[in-house]
Amino acid sequence: MSFARILLVSMLLLSFALPLAGCKEEGPAEKAGKKIDEAVDSAKEQAKKLFE
């Protein structure tokens, strides 16, 4: 395998492993981010209903 491929695979594996090593409690930024995600999802659903 080439160095670039090994590096890419390593980065992908780390990107999946790092969230598992994070803290258990949600901080205020994470809570706000989840609320924003929910609002965006809700807006997408409403937009789909408008264009159906």
PDB file of N, CA and C in Angstrom:
ATOM      1  N   MET A   1       0.836  -1.184   0.000  1.00  0.00           N
ATOM      2  CA  MET A   1       0.000   0.000   0.000  1.00  0.00           C
ATOM      3  C   MET A   1       0.876   1.241   0.000  1.00  0.00           C
ATOM      4  N   SER A   2       0.402   2.243  -0.667  1.00  0.00           N
ATOM      5  CA  SER A   2       1.171   3.475  -0.705  1.00  0.00           C
ATOM      6  C   SER A   2       1.011   4.238   0.604  1.00  0.00           C
ATOM      7  N   PHE A   3       1.912   5.153   0.831  1.00  0.00           N
ATOM      8  CA  PHE A   3       1.872   5.950   2.055  1.00  0.00           C
ATOM      9  C   PHE A   3       0.577   6.743   2.149  1.00  0.00           C
ATOM     10  N   ALA A   4       0.121   7.297   1.031  1.00  0.00           N
ATOM     11  CA  ALA A   4      -1.107   8.091   1.036  1.00  0.00           C
ATOM     12  C   ALA A   4      -2.310   7.233   1.431  1.00  0.00           C
ATOM     13  N   ARG A   5      -2.358   6.026   0.944  1.00  0.00           N
ATOM     14  CA  ARG A   5      -3.480   5.134   1.267  1.00  0.00           C
ATOM     15  C   ARG A   5      -3.456   4.744   2.748  1.00  0.00           C
ATOM     16  N   ILE A   6      -2.266   4.456   3.272  1.00  0.00           N
ATOM     17  CA  ILE A   6      -2.126   4.120   4.689  1.00  0.00           C
ATOM     18  C   ILE A   6      -2.543   5.315   5.549  1.00  0.00           C
ATOM     19  N   LEU A   7      -2.121   6.504   5.148  1.00  0.00           N
ATOM     20  CA  LEU A   7      -2.486   7.706   5.883  1.00  0.00           C
ATOM     21  C   LEU A   7      -3.995   7.927   5.857  1.00  0.00           C
ATOM     22  N   LEU A   8      -4.612   7.736   4.717  1.00  0.00           N
ATOM     23  CA  LEU A   8      -6.054   7.915   4.584  1.00  0.00           C
ATOM     24  C   LEU A   8      -6.816   6.922   5.459  1.00  0.00           C
ATOM     25  N   VAL A   9      -6.427   5.674   5.424  1.00  0.00           N
ATOM     26  CA  VAL A   9      -7.092   4.653   6.239  1.00  0.00           C
ATOM     27  C   VAL A   9      -6.904   4.961   7.720  1.00  0.00           C
ATOM     28  N   SER A  10      -5.717   5.383   8.105  1.00  0.00           N
ATOM     29  CA  SER A  10      -5.454   5.728   9.507  1.00  0.00           C
ATOM     30  C   SER A  10      -6.325   6.892   9.949  1.00  0.00           C
ATOM     31  N   MET A  11      -6.453   7.902   9.121  1.00  0.00           N
ATOM     32  CA  MET A  11      -7.271   9.063   9.465  1.00  0.00           C
ATOM     33  C   MET A  11      -8.739   8.666   9.585  1.00  0.00           C
ATOM     34  N   LEU A  12      -9.212   7.814   8.710  1.00  0.00           N
ATOM     35  CA  LEU A  12     -10.600   7.369   8.795  1.00  0.00           C
ATOM     36  C   LEU A  12     -10.861   6.591  10.072  1.00  0.00           C
ATOM     37  N   LEU A  13      -9.951   5.700  10.422  1.00  0.00           N
ATOM     38  CA  LEU A  13     -10.110   4.929  11.657  1.00  0.00           C
ATOM     39  C   LEU A  13     -10.099   5.825  12.883  1.00  0.00           C
ATOM     40  N   LEU A  14      -9.227   6.818  12.899  1.00  0.00           N
ATOM     41  CA  LEU A  14      -9.175   7.747  14.017  1.00  0.00           C
ATOM     42  C   LEU A  14     -10.446   8.581  14.107  1.00  0.00           C
ATOM     43  N   SER A  15     -10.989   8.962  12.957  1.00  0.00           N
ATOM     44  CA  SER A  15     -12.196   9.784  12.988  1.00  0.00           C
ATOM     45  C   SER A  15     -13.380   9.015  13.554  1.00  0.00           C
ATOM     46  N   PHE A  16     -13.376   7.683  13.433  1.00  0.00           N
ATOM     47  CA  PHE A  16     -14.441   6.881  14.031  1.00  0.00           C
ATOM     48  C   PHE A  16     -14.169   6.598  15.509  1.00  0.00           C
ATOM     49  N   ALA A  17     -12.898   6.521  15.901  1.00  0.00           N
ATOM     50  CA  ALA A  17     -12.552   6.167  17.268  1.00  0.00           C
ATOM     51  C   ALA A  17     -12.587   7.362  18.218  1.00  0.00           C
ATOM     52  N   LEU A  18     -12.280   8.544  17.745  1.00  0.00           N
ATOM     53  CA  LEU A  18     -12.208   9.707  18.625  1.00  0.00           C
ATOM     54  C   LEU A  18     -13.538  10.050  19.295  1.00  0.00           C
ATOM     55  N   PRO A  19     -14.669  10.011  18.613  1.00  0.00           N
ATOM     56  CA  PRO A  19     -15.925  10.317  19.315  1.00  0.00           C
ATOM     57  C   PRO A  19     -16.221   9.349  20.455  1.00  0.00           C
ATOM     58  N   LEU A  20     -15.765   8.129  20.348  1.00  0.00           N
ATOM     59  CA  LEU A  20     -15.988   7.154  21.417  1.00  0.00           C
ATOM     60  C   LEU A  20     -15.169   7.488  22.657  1.00  0.00           C
ATOM     61  N   ALA A  21     -14.067   8.186  22.472  1.00  0.00           N
ATOM     62  CA  ALA A  21     -13.194   8.528  23.594  1.00  0.00           C
ATOM     63  C   ALA A  21     -13.604   9.848  24.239  1.00  0.00           C
ATOM     64  N   GLY A  22     -14.596  10.527  23.696  1.00  0.00           N
ATOM     65  CA  GLY A  22     -15.020  11.814  24.230  1.00  0.00           C
ATOM     66  C   GLY A  22     -15.705  11.683  25.573  1.00  0.00           C
ATOM     67  N   CYS A  23     -16.010  12.824  26.163  1.00  0.00           N
ATOM     68  CA  CYS A  23     -16.643  12.810  27.477  1.00  0.00           C
ATOM     69  C   CYS A  23     -18.108  12.368  27.354  1.00  0.00           C
ATOM     70  N   LYS A  24     -18.645  11.894  28.453  1.00  0.00           N
ATOM     71  CA  LYS A  24     -20.003  11.347  28.467  1.00  0.00           C
ATOM     72  C   LYS A  24     -21.064  12.444  28.548  1.00  0.00           C
ATOM     73  N   GLU A  25     -20.770  13.526  29.257  1.00  0.00           N
ATOM     74  CA  GLU A  25     -21.750  14.584  29.431  1.00  0.00           C
ATOM     75  C   GLU A  25     -21.731  15.545  28.246  1.00  0.00           C
ATOM     76  N   GLU A  26     -22.923  16.013  27.874  1.00  0.00           N
ATOM     77  CA  GLU A  26     -23.013  16.988  26.808  1.00  0.00           C
ATOM     78  C   GLU A  26     -22.751  18.382  27.380  1.00  0.00           C
ATOM     79  N   GLY A  27     -21.954  19.120  26.680  1.00  0.00           N
ATOM     80  CA  GLY A  27     -21.714  20.496  27.079  1.00  0.00           C
ATOM     81  C   GLY A  27     -22.756  21.416  26.457  1.00  0.00           C
ATOM     82  N   PRO A  28     -22.737  22.683  26.800  1.00  0.00           N
ATOM     83  CA  PRO A  28     -23.725  23.616  26.270  1.00  0.00           C
ATOM     84  C   PRO A  28     -23.639  23.773  24.750  1.00  0.00           C
ATOM     85  N   ALA A  29     -22.442  23.721  24.199  1.00  0.00           N
ATOM     86  CA  ALA A  29     -22.302  23.854  22.747  1.00  0.00           C
ATOM     87  C   ALA A  29     -22.906  22.649  22.035  1.00  0.00           C
ATOM     88  N   GLU A  30     -22.715  21.474  22.596  1.00  0.00           N
ATOM     89  CA  GLU A  30     -23.268  20.272  21.970  1.00  0.00           C
ATOM     90  C   GLU A  30     -24.795  20.279  22.047  1.00  0.00           C
ATOM     91  N   LYS A  31     -25.333  20.722  23.171  1.00  0.00           N
ATOM     92  CA  LYS A  31     -26.789  20.825  23.312  1.00  0.00           C
ATOM     93  C   LYS A  31     -27.361  21.826  22.304  1.00  0.00           C
ATOM     94  N   ALA A  32     -26.689  22.964  22.166  1.00  0.00           N
ATOM     95  CA  ALA A  32     -27.140  23.975  21.207  1.00  0.00           C
ATOM     96  C   ALA A  32     -27.045  23.433  19.789  1.00  0.00           C
ATOM     97  N   GLY A  33     -25.984  22.700  19.486  1.00  0.00           N
ATOM     98  CA  GLY A  33     -25.820  22.116  18.156  1.00  0.00           C
ATOM     99  C   GLY A  33     -26.923  21.125  17.837  1.00  0.00           C
ATOM    100  N   LYS A  34     -27.315  20.333  18.817  1.00  0.00           N
ATOM    101  CA  LYS A  34     -28.405  19.374  18.592  1.00  0.00           C
ATOM    102  C   LYS A  34     -29.721  20.096  18.338  1.00  0.00           C
ATOM    103  N   LYS A  35     -29.963  21.186  19.067  1.00  0.00           N
ATOM    104  CA  LYS A  35     -31.189  21.957  18.853  1.00  0.00           C
ATOM    105  C   LYS A  35     -31.201  22.573  17.456  1.00  0.00           C
ATOM    106  N   ILE A  36     -30.045  23.035  17.019  1.00  0.00           N
ATOM    107  CA  ILE A  36     -29.951  23.608  15.668  1.00  0.00           C
ATOM    108  C   ILE A  36     -30.209  22.525  14.627  1.00  0.00           C
ATOM    109  N   ASP A  37     -29.632  21.348  14.828  1.00  0.00           N
ATOM    110  CA  ASP A  37     -29.855  20.224  13.906  1.00  0.00           C
ATOM    111  C   ASP A  37     -31.338  19.869  13.827  1.00  0.00           C
ATOM    112  N   GLU A  38     -31.999  19.839  14.982  1.00  0.00           N
ATOM    113  CA  GLU A  38     -33.424  19.530  14.998  1.00  0.00           C
ATOM    114  C   GLU A  38     -34.230  20.600  14.268  1.00  0.00           C
ATOM    115  N   ALA A  39     -33.857  21.866  14.446  1.00  0.00           N
ATOM    116  CA  ALA A  39     -34.560  22.956  13.778  1.00  0.00           C
ATOM    117  C   ALA A  39     -34.375  22.881  12.259  1.00  0.00           C
ATOM    118  N   VAL A  40     -33.169  22.549  11.832  1.00  0.00           N
ATOM    119  CA  VAL A  40     -32.903  22.420  10.392  1.00  0.00           C
ATOM    120  C   VAL A  40     -33.687  21.249   9.806  1.00  0.00           C
ATOM    121  N   ASP A  41     -33.708  20.127  10.519  1.00  0.00           N
ATOM    122  CA  ASP A  41     -34.477  18.975  10.048  1.00  0.00           C
ATOM    123  C   ASP A  41     -35.956  19.307   9.951  1.00  0.00           C
ATOM    124  N   SER A  42     -36.468  20.022  10.937  1.00  0.00           N
ATOM    125  CA  SER A  42     -37.876  20.415  10.930  1.00  0.00           C
ATOM    126  C   SER A  42     -38.163  21.346   9.750  1.00  0.00           C
ATOM    127  N   ALA A  43     -37.263  22.279   9.497  1.00  0.00           N
ATOM    128  CA  ALA A  43     -37.449  23.199   8.379  1.00  0.00           C
ATOM    129  C   ALA A  43     -37.416  22.454   7.046  1.00  0.00           C
ATOM    130  N   LYS A  44     -36.557  21.462   6.933  1.00  0.00           N
ATOM    131  CA  LYS A  44     -36.503  20.663   5.698  1.00  0.00           C
ATOM    132  C   LYS A  44     -37.810  19.928   5.477  1.00  0.00           C
ATOM    133  N   GLU A  45     -38.359  19.354   6.557  1.00  0.00           N
ATOM    134  CA  GLU A  45     -39.616  18.631   6.429  1.00  0.00           C
ATOM    135  C   GLU A  45     -40.742  19.566   6.018  1.00  0.00           C
ATOM    136  N   GLN A  46     -40.770  20.753   6.595  1.00  0.00           N
ATOM    137  CA  GLN A  46     -41.811  21.717   6.248  1.00  0.00           C
ATOM    138  C   GLN A  46     -41.667  22.171   4.785  1.00  0.00           C
ATOM    139  N   ALA A  47     -40.430  22.344   4.339  1.00  0.00           N
ATOM    140  CA  ALA A  47     -40.204  22.749   2.952  1.00  0.00           C
ATOM    141  C   ALA A  47     -40.642  21.644   1.988  1.00  0.00           C
ATOM    142  N   LYS A  48     -40.379  20.404   2.349  1.00  0.00           N
ATOM    143  CA  LYS A  48     -40.818  19.298   1.500  1.00  0.00           C
ATOM    144  C   LYS A  48     -42.319  19.266   1.384  1.00  0.00           C
ATOM    145  N   LYS A  49     -43.021  19.527   2.497  1.00  0.00           N
ATOM    146  CA  LYS A  49     -44.482  19.539   2.479  1.00  0.00           C
ATOM    147  C   LYS A  49     -45.018  20.642   1.591  1.00  0.00           C
ATOM    148  N   LEU A  50     -44.342  21.782   1.575  1.00  0.00           N
ATOM    149  CA  LEU A  50     -44.785  22.905   0.751  1.00  0.00           C
ATOM    150  C   LEU A  50     -44.681  22.592  -0.744  1.00  0.00           C
ATOM    151  N   PHE A  51     -43.671  21.844  -1.116  1.00  0.00           N
ATOM    152  CA  PHE A  51     -43.419  21.582  -2.540  1.00  0.00           C
ATOM    153  C   PHE A  51     -43.999  20.287  -3.035  1.00  0.00           C
ATOM    154  N   GLU A  52     -44.752  19.599  -2.205  1.00  0.00           N
ATOM    155  CA  GLU A  52     -45.383  18.344  -2.645  1.00  0.00           C
ATOM    156  C   GLU A  52     -46.666  18.637  -3.365  1.00  0.00           C
TER     157      GLU A  52
END
